[in-house]
Each structure stands twice: as C-alpha cells, then as structure tokens.
Amino acid sequence: MPRLRETLDEPRSDADTPTNFKTEVNTHGMLCGVCDGLFYVDEATYNQVRSAIEFDPNDNPFRCDECKEEYDEEAVY
C-alpha cells in the first residue's frame, strides 16, 4: 500500500520547525531567503518574518534549517 511522504517524514515536535509540506501547524508558505525553497511555517514564524519584510523589503530573514546550519558553520570560521 503506498504511503504519503508526509506520513514518512513526520515533522519534529517543535512547532517552529519549517516543513516541505503543509501540516496542521505549518500552514503558511514561506520562501527561504538563501535558497528560495518553499517551506511551510507556523503562524508565529510567519508573522515575525512578515513584519521584518515589511520593515525592509530587500531582506528576507527566513532561513530553512539547511541554510541556517550552513550559515552557522561559516560564522564559526
């Protein structure tokens, strides 16, 4: 029996963890400011990023987990 990817890749329990698909918590689509990938985030994250973009439309502060890790690794060196 085929299984949906959503059931195989269960999101972590943190509500602020972006996912590649909509969930009950992550309902707002958001583009990563680095890789331009589409991720779904919760209401609080969406509102926070939207406020930052309204303040400075040229800077999208949202980073997906992978880009955030790469950025953190580069910042150490």
PDB file of N, CA and C in Angstrom:
ATOM      1  N   MET A   1       0.838  -1.174   0.000  1.00  0.00           N
ATOM      2  CA  MET A   1       0.000   0.000   0.000  1.00  0.00           C
ATOM      3  C   MET A   1       0.892   1.250   0.000  1.00  0.00           C
ATOM      4  N   PRO A   2       0.697   2.170  -0.937  1.00  0.00           N
ATOM      5  CA  PRO A   2       1.532   3.368  -0.991  1.00  0.00           C
ATOM      6  C   PRO A   2       1.287   4.271   0.220  1.00  0.00           C
ATOM      7  N   ARG A   3       2.365   4.937   0.636  1.00  0.00           N
ATOM      8  CA  ARG A   3       2.257   5.846   1.770  1.00  0.00           C
ATOM      9  C   ARG A   3       2.633   7.245   1.303  1.00  0.00           C
ATOM     10  N   LEU A   4       1.974   8.214   1.851  1.00  0.00           N
ATOM     11  CA  LEU A   4       2.293   9.595   1.523  1.00  0.00           C
ATOM     12  C   LEU A   4       3.604   9.996   2.177  1.00  0.00           C
ATOM     13  N   ARG A   5       4.350  10.844   1.496  1.00  0.00           N
ATOM     14  CA  ARG A   5       5.618  11.321   2.034  1.00  0.00           C
ATOM     15  C   ARG A   5       5.402  12.010   3.386  1.00  0.00           C
ATOM     16  N   GLU A   6       4.293  12.719   3.531  1.00  0.00           N
ATOM     17  CA  GLU A   6       4.004  13.402   4.785  1.00  0.00           C
ATOM     18  C   GLU A   6       3.967  12.443   5.971  1.00  0.00           C
ATOM     19  N   THR A   7       3.522  11.227   5.740  1.00  0.00           N
ATOM     20  CA  THR A   7       3.459  10.272   6.852  1.00  0.00           C
ATOM     21  C   THR A   7       4.818   9.661   7.128  1.00  0.00           C
ATOM     22  N   LEU A   8       5.695   9.652   6.122  1.00  0.00           N
ATOM     23  CA  LEU A   8       7.024   9.100   6.322  1.00  0.00           C
ATOM     24  C   LEU A   8       7.969  10.116   6.954  1.00  0.00           C
ATOM     25  N   ASP A   9       7.851  11.359   6.570  1.00  0.00           N
ATOM     26  CA  ASP A   9       8.716  12.420   7.077  1.00  0.00           C
ATOM     27  C   ASP A   9       7.965  13.259   8.104  1.00  0.00           C
ATOM     28  N   GLU A  10       7.677  12.679   9.220  1.00  0.00           N
ATOM     29  CA  GLU A  10       6.960  13.412  10.259  1.00  0.00           C
ATOM     30  C   GLU A  10       7.797  14.585  10.739  1.00  0.00           C
ATOM     31  N   PRO A  11       7.199  15.761  10.871  1.00  0.00           N
ATOM     32  CA  PRO A  11       7.960  16.903  11.369  1.00  0.00           C
ATOM     33  C   PRO A  11       8.346  16.704  12.821  1.00  0.00           C
ATOM     34  N   ARG A  12       9.442  17.364  13.215  1.00  0.00           N
ATOM     35  CA  ARG A  12       9.845  17.290  14.611  1.00  0.00           C
ATOM     36  C   ARG A  12       8.772  17.940  15.471  1.00  0.00           C
ATOM     37  N   SER A  13       8.839  17.708  16.746  1.00  0.00           N
ATOM     38  CA  SER A  13       7.776  18.176  17.621  1.00  0.00           C
ATOM     39  C   SER A  13       7.775  19.686  17.820  1.00  0.00           C
ATOM     40  N   ASP A  14       8.900  20.369  17.525  1.00  0.00           N
ATOM     41  CA  ASP A  14       8.902  21.816  17.711  1.00  0.00           C
ATOM     42  C   ASP A  14       7.959  22.450  16.702  1.00  0.00           C
ATOM     43  N   ALA A  15       7.121  23.343  17.175  1.00  0.00           N
ATOM     44  CA  ALA A  15       6.137  23.972  16.305  1.00  0.00           C
ATOM     45  C   ALA A  15       6.795  24.915  15.312  1.00  0.00           C
ATOM     46  N   ASP A  16       7.971  25.439  15.630  1.00  0.00           N
ATOM     47  CA  ASP A  16       8.601  26.411  14.742  1.00  0.00           C
ATOM     48  C   ASP A  16       9.538  25.767  13.723  1.00  0.00           C
ATOM     49  N   THR A  17       9.469  24.464  13.544  1.00  0.00           N
ATOM     50  CA  THR A  17      10.300  23.776  12.565  1.00  0.00           C
ATOM     51  C   THR A  17       9.633  23.840  11.199  1.00  0.00           C
ATOM     52  N   PRO A  18      10.289  24.471  10.210  1.00  0.00           N
ATOM     53  CA  PRO A  18       9.706  24.517   8.865  1.00  0.00           C
ATOM     54  C   PRO A  18       9.618  23.121   8.253  1.00  0.00           C
ATOM     55  N   THR A  19       8.596  22.905   7.436  1.00  0.00           N
ATOM     56  CA  THR A  19       8.430  21.630   6.748  1.00  0.00           C
ATOM     57  C   THR A  19       8.293  21.889   5.248  1.00  0.00           C
ATOM     58  N   ASN A  20       8.497  20.850   4.449  1.00  0.00           N
ATOM     59  CA  ASN A  20       8.363  20.960   2.997  1.00  0.00           C
ATOM     60  C   ASN A  20       6.917  20.800   2.539  1.00  0.00           C
ATOM     61  N   PHE A  21       6.031  20.571   3.460  1.00  0.00           N
ATOM     62  CA  PHE A  21       4.625  20.337   3.156  1.00  0.00           C
ATOM     63  C   PHE A  21       3.773  20.947   4.256  1.00  0.00           C
ATOM     64  N   LYS A  22       2.507  21.200   3.936  1.00  0.00           N
ATOM     65  CA  LYS A  22       1.596  21.764   4.931  1.00  0.00           C
ATOM     66  C   LYS A  22       1.288  20.743   6.010  1.00  0.00           C
ATOM     67  N   THR A  23       1.198  21.229   7.228  1.00  0.00           N
ATOM     68  CA  THR A  23       0.759  20.404   8.353  1.00  0.00           C
ATOM     69  C   THR A  23      -0.339  21.163   9.074  1.00  0.00           C
ATOM     70  N   GLU A  24      -0.860  20.598  10.136  1.00  0.00           N
ATOM     71  CA  GLU A  24      -1.880  21.298  10.912  1.00  0.00           C
ATOM     72  C   GLU A  24      -1.328  22.589  11.508  1.00  0.00           C
ATOM     73  N   VAL A  25      -0.048  22.589  11.880  1.00  0.00           N
ATOM     74  CA  VAL A  25       0.584  23.757  12.490  1.00  0.00           C
ATOM     75  C   VAL A  25       1.219  24.655  11.442  1.00  0.00           C
ATOM     76  N   ASN A  26       1.935  24.067  10.501  1.00  0.00           N
ATOM     77  CA  ASN A  26       2.650  24.830   9.476  1.00  0.00           C
ATOM     78  C   ASN A  26       1.763  25.010   8.249  1.00  0.00           C
ATOM     79  N   THR A  27       1.041  26.118   8.219  1.00  0.00           N
ATOM     80  CA  THR A  27       0.075  26.353   7.153  1.00  0.00           C
ATOM     81  C   THR A  27       0.460  27.499   6.231  1.00  0.00           C
ATOM     82  N   HIS A  28       1.512  28.229   6.558  1.00  0.00           N
ATOM     83  CA  HIS A  28       1.890  29.411   5.785  1.00  0.00           C
ATOM     84  C   HIS A  28       3.132  29.133   4.941  1.00  0.00           C
ATOM     85  N   GLY A  29       3.013  29.342   3.631  1.00  0.00           N
ATOM     86  CA  GLY A  29       4.143  29.153   2.732  1.00  0.00           C
ATOM     87  C   GLY A  29       5.128  30.304   2.864  1.00  0.00           C
ATOM     88  N   MET A  30       6.420  29.981   2.876  1.00  0.00           N
ATOM     89  CA  MET A  30       7.463  30.994   3.041  1.00  0.00           C
ATOM     90  C   MET A  30       8.674  30.552   2.225  1.00  0.00           C
ATOM     91  N   LEU A  31       9.270  31.503   1.491  1.00  0.00           N
ATOM     92  CA  LEU A  31      10.474  31.209   0.728  1.00  0.00           C
ATOM     93  C   LEU A  31      11.699  31.467   1.582  1.00  0.00           C
ATOM     94  N   CYS A  32      12.676  30.567   1.501  1.00  0.00           N
ATOM     95  CA  CYS A  32      13.938  30.736   2.203  1.00  0.00           C
ATOM     96  C   CYS A  32      14.674  31.918   1.579  1.00  0.00           C
ATOM     97  N   GLY A  33      15.252  32.776   2.409  1.00  0.00           N
ATOM     98  CA  GLY A  33      15.967  33.943   1.927  1.00  0.00           C
ATOM     99  C   GLY A  33      17.280  33.619   1.248  1.00  0.00           C
ATOM    100  N   VAL A  34      17.751  32.381   1.355  1.00  0.00           N
ATOM    101  CA  VAL A  34      19.027  31.990   0.755  1.00  0.00           C
ATOM    102  C   VAL A  34      18.806  31.118  -0.479  1.00  0.00           C
ATOM    103  N   CYS A  35      18.106  29.996  -0.318  1.00  0.00           N
ATOM    104  CA  CYS A  35      17.964  29.027  -1.410  1.00  0.00           C
ATOM    105  C   CYS A  35      16.660  29.180  -2.190  1.00  0.00           C
ATOM    106  N   ASP A  36      15.759  30.047  -1.743  1.00  0.00           N
ATOM    107  CA  ASP A  36      14.453  30.275  -2.378  1.00  0.00           C
ATOM    108  C   ASP A  36      13.565  29.042  -2.384  1.00  0.00           C
ATOM    109  N   GLY A  37      13.841  28.072  -1.515  1.00  0.00           N
ATOM    110  CA  GLY A  37      12.986  26.901  -1.398  1.00  0.00           C
ATOM    111  C   GLY A  37      11.690  27.256  -0.679  1.00  0.00           C
ATOM    112  N   LEU A  38      10.615  26.580  -1.032  1.00  0.00           N
ATOM    113  CA  LEU A  38       9.324  26.809  -0.395  1.00  0.00           C
ATOM    114  C   LEU A  38       9.189  25.923   0.831  1.00  0.00           C
ATOM    115  N   PHE A  39       8.916  26.536   1.966  1.00  0.00           N
ATOM    116  CA  PHE A  39       8.722  25.829   3.224  1.00  0.00           C
ATOM    117  C   PHE A  39       7.448  26.338   3.869  1.00  0.00           C
ATOM    118  N   TYR A  40       6.893  25.520   4.727  1.00  0.00           N
ATOM    119  CA  TYR A  40       5.686  25.908   5.451  1.00  0.00           C
ATOM    120  C   TYR A  40       6.040  26.119   6.907  1.00  0.00           C
ATOM    121  N   VAL A  41       5.540  27.231   7.465  1.00  0.00           N
ATOM    122  CA  VAL A  41       5.881  27.623   8.827  1.00  0.00           C
ATOM    123  C   VAL A  41       4.613  27.886   9.620  1.00  0.00           C
ATOM    124  N   ASP A  42       4.770  27.970  10.930  1.00  0.00           N
ATOM    125  CA  ASP A  42       3.635  28.238  11.801  1.00  0.00           C
ATOM    126  C   ASP A  42       3.278  29.730  11.780  1.00  0.00           C
ATOM    127  N   GLU A  43       2.183  30.070  12.399  1.00  0.00           N
ATOM    128  CA  GLU A  43       1.657  31.439  12.424  1.00  0.00           C
ATOM    129  C   GLU A  43       2.648  32.424  13.034  1.00  0.00           C
ATOM    130  N   ALA A  44       3.279  32.063  14.146  1.00  0.00           N
ATOM    131  CA  ALA A  44       4.199  32.974  14.826  1.00  0.00           C
ATOM    132  C   ALA A  44       5.415  33.289  13.961  1.00  0.00           C
ATOM    133  N   THR A  45       5.998  32.266  13.345  1.00  0.00           N
ATOM    134  CA  THR A  45       7.157  32.474  12.472  1.00  0.00           C
ATOM    135  C   THR A  45       6.755  33.320  11.272  1.00  0.00           C
ATOM    136  N   TYR A  46       5.616  33.028  10.691  1.00  0.00           N
ATOM    137  CA  TYR A  46       5.130  33.774   9.540  1.00  0.00           C
ATOM    138  C   TYR A  46       4.976  35.252   9.878  1.00  0.00           C
ATOM    139  N   ASN A  47       4.338  35.541  11.000  1.00  0.00           N
ATOM    140  CA  ASN A  47       4.122  36.935  11.403  1.00  0.00           C
ATOM    141  C   ASN A  47       5.437  37.652  11.683  1.00  0.00           C
ATOM    142  N   GLN A  48       6.376  36.966  12.295  1.00  0.00           N
ATOM    143  CA  GLN A  48       7.674  37.561  12.608  1.00  0.00           C
ATOM    144  C   GLN A  48       8.431  37.910  11.324  1.00  0.00           C
ATOM    145  N   VAL A  49       8.477  36.989  10.379  1.00  0.00           N
ATOM    146  CA  VAL A  49       9.188  37.225   9.127  1.00  0.00           C
ATOM    147  C   VAL A  49       8.470  38.287   8.299  1.00  0.00           C
ATOM    148  N   ARG A  50       7.161  38.222   8.262  1.00  0.00           N
ATOM    149  CA  ARG A  50       6.384  39.218   7.503  1.00  0.00           C
ATOM    150  C   ARG A  50       6.635  40.627   8.029  1.00  0.00           C
ATOM    151  N   SER A  51       6.703  40.788   9.348  1.00  0.00           N
ATOM    152  CA  SER A  51       6.985  42.100   9.939  1.00  0.00           C
ATOM    153  C   SER A  51       8.366  42.600   9.533  1.00  0.00           C
ATOM    154  N   ALA A  52       9.350  41.698   9.534  1.00  0.00           N
ATOM    155  CA  ALA A  52      10.709  42.080   9.136  1.00  0.00           C
ATOM    156  C   ALA A  52      10.751  42.477   7.665  1.00  0.00           C
ATOM    157  N   ILE A  53      10.021  41.763   6.810  1.00  0.00           N
ATOM    158  CA  ILE A  53       9.999  42.080   5.385  1.00  0.00           C
ATOM    159  C   ILE A  53       9.279  43.406   5.146  1.00  0.00           C
ATOM    160  N   GLU A  54       8.229  43.685   5.910  1.00  0.00           N
ATOM    161  CA  GLU A  54       7.542  44.969   5.778  1.00  0.00           C
ATOM    162  C   GLU A  54       8.465  46.118   6.158  1.00  0.00           C
ATOM    163  N   PHE A  55       9.338  45.899   7.132  1.00  0.00           N
ATOM    164  CA  PHE A  55      10.289  46.921   7.563  1.00  0.00           C
ATOM    165  C   PHE A  55      11.364  47.135   6.501  1.00  0.00           C
ATOM    166  N   ASP A  56      11.904  46.046   5.937  1.00  0.00           N
ATOM    167  CA  ASP A  56      12.936  46.119   4.896  1.00  0.00           C
ATOM    168  C   ASP A  56      12.626  45.081   3.823  1.00  0.00           C
ATOM    169  N   PRO A  57      11.918  45.474   2.765  1.00  0.00           N
ATOM    170  CA  PRO A  57      11.501  44.522   1.727  1.00  0.00           C
ATOM    171  C   PRO A  57      12.650  43.849   0.987  1.00  0.00           C
ATOM    172  N   ASN A  58      13.859  44.394   1.080  1.00  0.00           N
ATOM    173  CA  ASN A  58      15.005  43.813   0.381  1.00  0.00           C
ATOM    174  C   ASN A  58      15.700  42.716   1.167  1.00  0.00           C
ATOM    175  N   ASP A  59      15.251  42.468   2.389  1.00  0.00           N
ATOM    176  CA  ASP A  59      15.910  41.468   3.233  1.00  0.00           C
ATOM    177  C   ASP A  59      14.894  40.478   3.774  1.00  0.00           C
ATOM    178  N   ASN A  60      14.999  39.224   3.329  1.00  0.00           N
ATOM    179  CA  ASN A  60      14.153  38.152   3.845  1.00  0.00           C
ATOM    180  C   ASN A  60      14.962  37.403   4.905  1.00  0.00           C
ATOM    181  N   PRO A  61      14.630  37.562   6.184  1.00  0.00           N
ATOM    182  CA  PRO A  61      15.420  36.934   7.242  1.00  0.00           C
ATOM    183  C   PRO A  61      15.164  35.444   7.434  1.00  0.00           C
ATOM    184  N   PHE A  62      14.149  34.894   6.767  1.00  0.00           N
ATOM    185  CA  PHE A  62      13.827  33.481   6.960  1.00  0.00           C
ATOM    186  C   PHE A  62      14.879  32.597   6.314  1.00  0.00           C
ATOM    187  N   ARG A  63      15.381  31.628   7.068  1.00  0.00           N
ATOM    188  CA  ARG A  63      16.345  30.642   6.584  1.00  0.00           C
ATOM    189  C   ARG A  63      15.795  29.257   6.906  1.00  0.00           C
ATOM    190  N   CYS A  64      15.843  28.362   5.923  1.00  0.00           N
ATOM    191  CA  CYS A  64      15.446  26.979   6.179  1.00  0.00           C
ATOM    192  C   CYS A  64      16.514  26.348   7.081  1.00  0.00           C
ATOM    193  N   ASP A  65      16.228  25.193   7.635  1.00  0.00           N
ATOM    194  CA  ASP A  65      17.159  24.538   8.556  1.00  0.00           C
ATOM    195  C   ASP A  65      18.517  24.280   7.914  1.00  0.00           C
ATOM    196  N   GLU A  66      18.512  23.839   6.652  1.00  0.00           N
ATOM    197  CA  GLU A  66      19.774  23.522   5.977  1.00  0.00           C
ATOM    198  C   GLU A  66      20.620  24.786   5.763  1.00  0.00           C
ATOM    199  N   CYS A  67      20.006  25.856   5.296  1.00  0.00           N
ATOM    200  CA  CYS A  67      20.740  27.107   5.083  1.00  0.00           C
ATOM    201  C   CYS A  67      21.185  27.714   6.413  1.00  0.00           C
ATOM    202  N   LYS A  68      20.362  27.559   7.442  1.00  0.00           N
ATOM    203  CA  LYS A  68      20.724  28.069   8.768  1.00  0.00           C
ATOM    204  C   LYS A  68      21.959  27.341   9.293  1.00  0.00           C
ATOM    205  N   GLU A  69      22.015  26.026   9.098  1.00  0.00           N
ATOM    206  CA  GLU A  69      23.179  25.246   9.532  1.00  0.00           C
ATOM    207  C   GLU A  69      24.441  25.680   8.779  1.00  0.00           C
ATOM    208  N   GLU A  70      24.320  25.852   7.464  1.00  0.00           N
ATOM    209  CA  GLU A  70      25.466  26.291   6.671  1.00  0.00           C
ATOM    210  C   GLU A  70      25.945  27.663   7.125  1.00  0.00           C
ATOM    211  N   TYR A  71      25.009  28.569   7.384  1.00  0.00           N
ATOM    212  CA  TYR A  71      25.355  29.912   7.834  1.00  0.00           C
ATOM    213  C   TYR A  71      26.063  29.847   9.179  1.00  0.00           C
ATOM    214  N   ASP A  72      25.554  29.029  10.092  1.00  0.00           N
ATOM    215  CA  ASP A  72      26.165  28.901  11.410  1.00  0.00           C
ATOM    216  C   ASP A  72      27.572  28.316  11.311  1.00  0.00           C
ATOM    217  N   GLU A  73      27.778  27.343  10.418  1.00  0.00           N
ATOM    218  CA  GLU A  73      29.101  26.755  10.235  1.00  0.00           C
ATOM    219  C   GLU A  73      30.086  27.778   9.683  1.00  0.00           C
ATOM    220  N   GLU A  74      29.647  28.602   8.735  1.00  0.00           N
ATOM    221  CA  GLU A  74      30.510  29.622   8.158  1.00  0.00           C
ATOM    222  C   GLU A  74      30.844  30.710   9.174  1.00  0.00           C
ATOM    223  N   ALA A  75      29.912  31.005  10.058  1.00  0.00           N
ATOM    224  CA  ALA A  75      30.130  32.050  11.051  1.00  0.00           C
ATOM    225  C   ALA A  75      31.193  31.643  12.076  1.00  0.00           C
ATOM    226  N   VAL A  76      31.390  30.350  12.290  1.00  0.00           N
ATOM    227  CA  VAL A  76      32.354  29.865  13.254  1.00  0.00           C
ATOM    228  C   VAL A  76      33.779  30.115  12.754  1.00  0.00           C
ATOM    229  N   TYR A  77      33.977  29.997  11.456  1.00  0.00           N
ATOM    230  CA  TYR A  77      35.325  30.134  10.898  1.00  0.00           C
ATOM    231  C   TYR A  77      35.695  31.546  10.670  1.00  0.00           C
TER     232      TYR A  77
END
